[in-house]
């Protein structure tokens, strides 16, 4: 599941329209590679003035606003190749551009890749990427029982 945590100061992403547009652009990046849209979770975390420090300096003195994004990838892991990492971060840059960069905000992000074996949705193991079961999850836009979704328990 792609999970985007967007930490932003007061005065940015204040309205539902801007948040919805950004979340939709993020979601489209992942549905374009075949993931179900319900995999994509975006949290906007408004930071009160004086709660974020960049370089030891309070965000109240930072102009322009500073946006920090923490992105977690679980459904698909990139191979450990510089070219693939660059391609992925370039796509992320394209997603961020109209919603953050073009508004003149300063920003930073990083991407974590969590082990897929530690991920479940409604206690089901998500199906392998591009499998028939995942295609059904895309079609239904929800988790659907399939044969390998509930493996035997190991006590």
Protein backbone atom coordinates (compact mmCIF):
# COMPACT_ATOMS: atom_id res chain seq x y z
CA UNK A 1 0.00 0.00 0.00
CA UNK A 2 1.37 3.39 -0.80
CA UNK A 3 0.99 5.58 2.27
CA UNK A 4 1.72 9.29 1.99
CA UNK A 5 2.06 11.31 5.20
CA UNK A 6 2.02 15.01 4.30
CA UNK A 7 3.08 17.35 7.10
CA UNK A 8 2.15 20.93 6.26
CA UNK A 9 1.91 24.27 8.06
CA UNK A 10 -1.24 26.27 8.67
CA UNK A 11 -2.15 28.14 5.50
CA UNK A 12 -1.36 25.24 3.16
CA UNK A 13 -3.81 22.53 2.14
CA UNK A 14 -6.51 24.31 4.14
CA UNK A 15 -9.39 23.45 1.81
CA UNK A 16 -10.80 20.07 0.82
CA UNK A 17 -10.39 20.89 -2.88
CA UNK A 18 -6.60 21.22 -2.71
CA UNK A 19 -6.25 18.08 -0.59
CA UNK A 20 -8.59 16.11 -2.86
CA UNK A 21 -6.70 17.21 -5.99
CA UNK A 22 -3.33 16.22 -4.51
CA UNK A 23 -4.66 12.85 -3.26
CA UNK A 24 -6.20 12.15 -6.66
CA UNK A 25 -2.90 12.88 -8.44
CA UNK A 26 -1.05 10.63 -5.98
CA UNK A 27 -3.60 7.84 -6.46
CA UNK A 28 -3.38 8.06 -10.25
CA UNK A 29 0.39 7.49 -10.12
CA UNK A 30 -0.24 4.09 -8.53
CA UNK A 31 -3.33 3.06 -10.49
CA UNK A 32 -1.31 3.75 -13.66
CA UNK A 33 0.94 0.81 -12.70
CA UNK A 34 -2.02 -1.47 -11.99
CA UNK A 35 -2.59 -1.10 -8.25
CA UNK A 36 -6.12 -0.87 -6.83
CA UNK A 37 -7.01 2.70 -5.93
CA UNK A 38 -8.04 1.67 -2.40
CA UNK A 39 -4.41 0.75 -1.70
CA UNK A 40 -3.47 4.44 -1.76
CA UNK A 41 -3.80 6.23 1.57
CA UNK A 42 -2.96 9.92 1.98
CA UNK A 43 -2.92 11.67 5.36
CA UNK A 44 -2.62 15.44 5.65
CA UNK A 45 -1.16 16.47 9.00
CA UNK A 46 -1.54 20.17 9.73
CA UNK A 47 1.30 21.38 11.91
CA UNK A 48 0.55 24.15 14.39
CA UNK A 49 2.91 27.14 14.29
CA UNK A 50 6.05 26.52 16.29
CA UNK A 51 5.87 22.71 16.09
CA UNK A 52 8.20 22.20 13.12
CA UNK A 53 11.86 23.16 13.15
CA UNK A 54 14.08 23.09 10.06
CA UNK A 55 17.77 23.44 10.83
CA UNK A 56 16.87 24.28 14.42
CA UNK A 57 14.74 27.24 13.33
CA UNK A 58 11.00 27.40 14.01
CA UNK A 59 8.69 27.07 11.04
CA UNK A 60 7.14 30.42 11.98
CA UNK A 61 10.22 32.11 10.56
CA UNK A 62 10.48 29.91 7.45
CA UNK A 63 9.27 31.56 4.31
CA UNK A 64 8.12 29.98 2.04
CA UNK A 65 6.11 27.26 3.82
CA UNK A 66 7.90 23.93 4.31
CA UNK A 67 6.10 20.68 3.42
CA UNK A 68 7.55 17.35 4.59
CA UNK A 69 6.34 14.11 3.03
CA UNK A 70 7.00 10.57 4.23
CA UNK A 71 6.06 7.98 1.62
CA UNK A 72 5.84 4.28 2.42
CA UNK A 73 5.71 1.70 -0.36
CA UNK A 74 4.58 -1.79 0.46
CA UNK A 75 2.70 -3.23 -2.54
CA UNK A 76 5.58 -2.92 -5.01
CA UNK A 77 9.28 -2.80 -4.22
CA UNK A 78 11.79 -1.31 -6.59
CA UNK A 79 14.84 -3.31 -7.56
CA UNK A 80 18.02 -1.98 -5.95
CA UNK A 81 19.10 -0.12 -9.09
CA UNK A 82 19.95 3.57 -9.30
CA UNK A 83 18.05 3.98 -12.60
CA UNK A 84 14.85 2.58 -11.08
CA UNK A 85 15.18 4.78 -8.00
CA UNK A 86 15.71 7.84 -10.20
CA UNK A 87 12.70 6.95 -12.37
CA UNK A 88 10.53 6.52 -9.26
CA UNK A 89 11.60 9.79 -7.63
CA UNK A 90 11.11 11.58 -10.97
CA UNK A 91 7.50 10.34 -11.05
CA UNK A 92 7.03 11.49 -7.47
CA UNK A 93 8.46 14.90 -8.41
CA UNK A 94 5.88 15.13 -11.23
CA UNK A 95 3.08 14.33 -8.77
CA UNK A 96 4.31 16.92 -6.27
CA UNK A 97 5.00 19.67 -8.80
CA UNK A 98 1.51 21.18 -9.32
CA UNK A 99 0.48 20.83 -5.68
CA UNK A 100 3.65 21.88 -3.86
CA UNK A 101 6.57 22.98 -6.04
CA UNK A 102 4.53 25.21 -8.37
CA UNK A 103 3.08 26.97 -5.32
CA UNK A 104 6.58 27.98 -4.28
CA UNK A 105 6.66 25.81 -1.16
CA UNK A 106 9.91 24.34 0.09
CA UNK A 107 9.62 20.59 0.47
CA UNK A 108 11.38 17.36 1.23
CA UNK A 109 10.34 13.73 0.96
CA UNK A 110 11.72 10.27 1.38
CA UNK A 111 10.41 6.83 0.48
CA UNK A 112 10.53 3.77 2.72
CA UNK A 113 9.93 0.27 1.38
CA UNK A 114 8.25 -1.91 3.99
CA UNK A 115 8.47 -5.68 3.76
CA UNK A 116 5.33 -6.91 2.00
CA UNK A 117 5.13 -9.96 4.29
CA UNK A 118 4.19 -7.63 7.18
CA UNK A 119 1.18 -6.15 5.36
CA UNK A 120 -2.47 -7.18 5.51
CA UNK A 121 -5.77 -5.58 4.62
CA UNK A 122 -8.80 -6.70 6.63
CA UNK A 123 -6.60 -9.62 7.81
CA UNK A 124 -6.09 -10.74 4.20
CA UNK A 125 -2.68 -11.03 2.57
CA UNK A 126 -2.85 -8.81 -0.51
CA UNK A 127 -2.38 -10.73 -3.75
CA UNK A 128 0.84 -10.58 -5.75
CA UNK A 129 1.20 -7.60 -8.09
CA UNK A 130 -0.44 -8.12 -11.50
CA UNK A 131 -1.94 -11.46 -10.43
CA UNK A 132 -5.52 -12.40 -11.34
CA UNK A 133 -6.50 -11.90 -7.70
CA UNK A 134 -5.07 -8.37 -7.69
CA UNK A 135 -6.88 -7.62 -10.96
CA UNK A 136 -10.10 -8.63 -9.19
CA UNK A 137 -9.23 -6.29 -6.30
CA UNK A 138 -8.73 -3.51 -8.88
CA UNK A 139 -12.07 -4.28 -10.52
CA UNK A 140 -13.96 -4.49 -7.22
CA UNK A 141 -11.92 -1.66 -5.62
CA UNK A 142 -11.90 -3.57 -2.34
CA UNK A 143 -10.25 -6.63 -0.78
CA UNK A 144 -11.80 -9.86 -2.04
CA UNK A 145 -11.14 -13.35 -0.67
CA UNK A 146 -8.83 -15.51 -2.81
CA UNK A 147 -7.11 -18.85 -2.21
CA UNK A 148 -3.84 -17.62 -0.68
CA UNK A 149 -5.37 -14.75 1.33
CA UNK A 150 -5.50 -16.68 4.60
CA UNK A 151 -2.48 -18.96 5.00
CA UNK A 152 -2.26 -21.52 7.77
CA UNK A 153 -1.31 -20.00 11.13
CA UNK A 154 2.09 -20.79 12.61
CA UNK A 155 1.89 -20.90 16.40
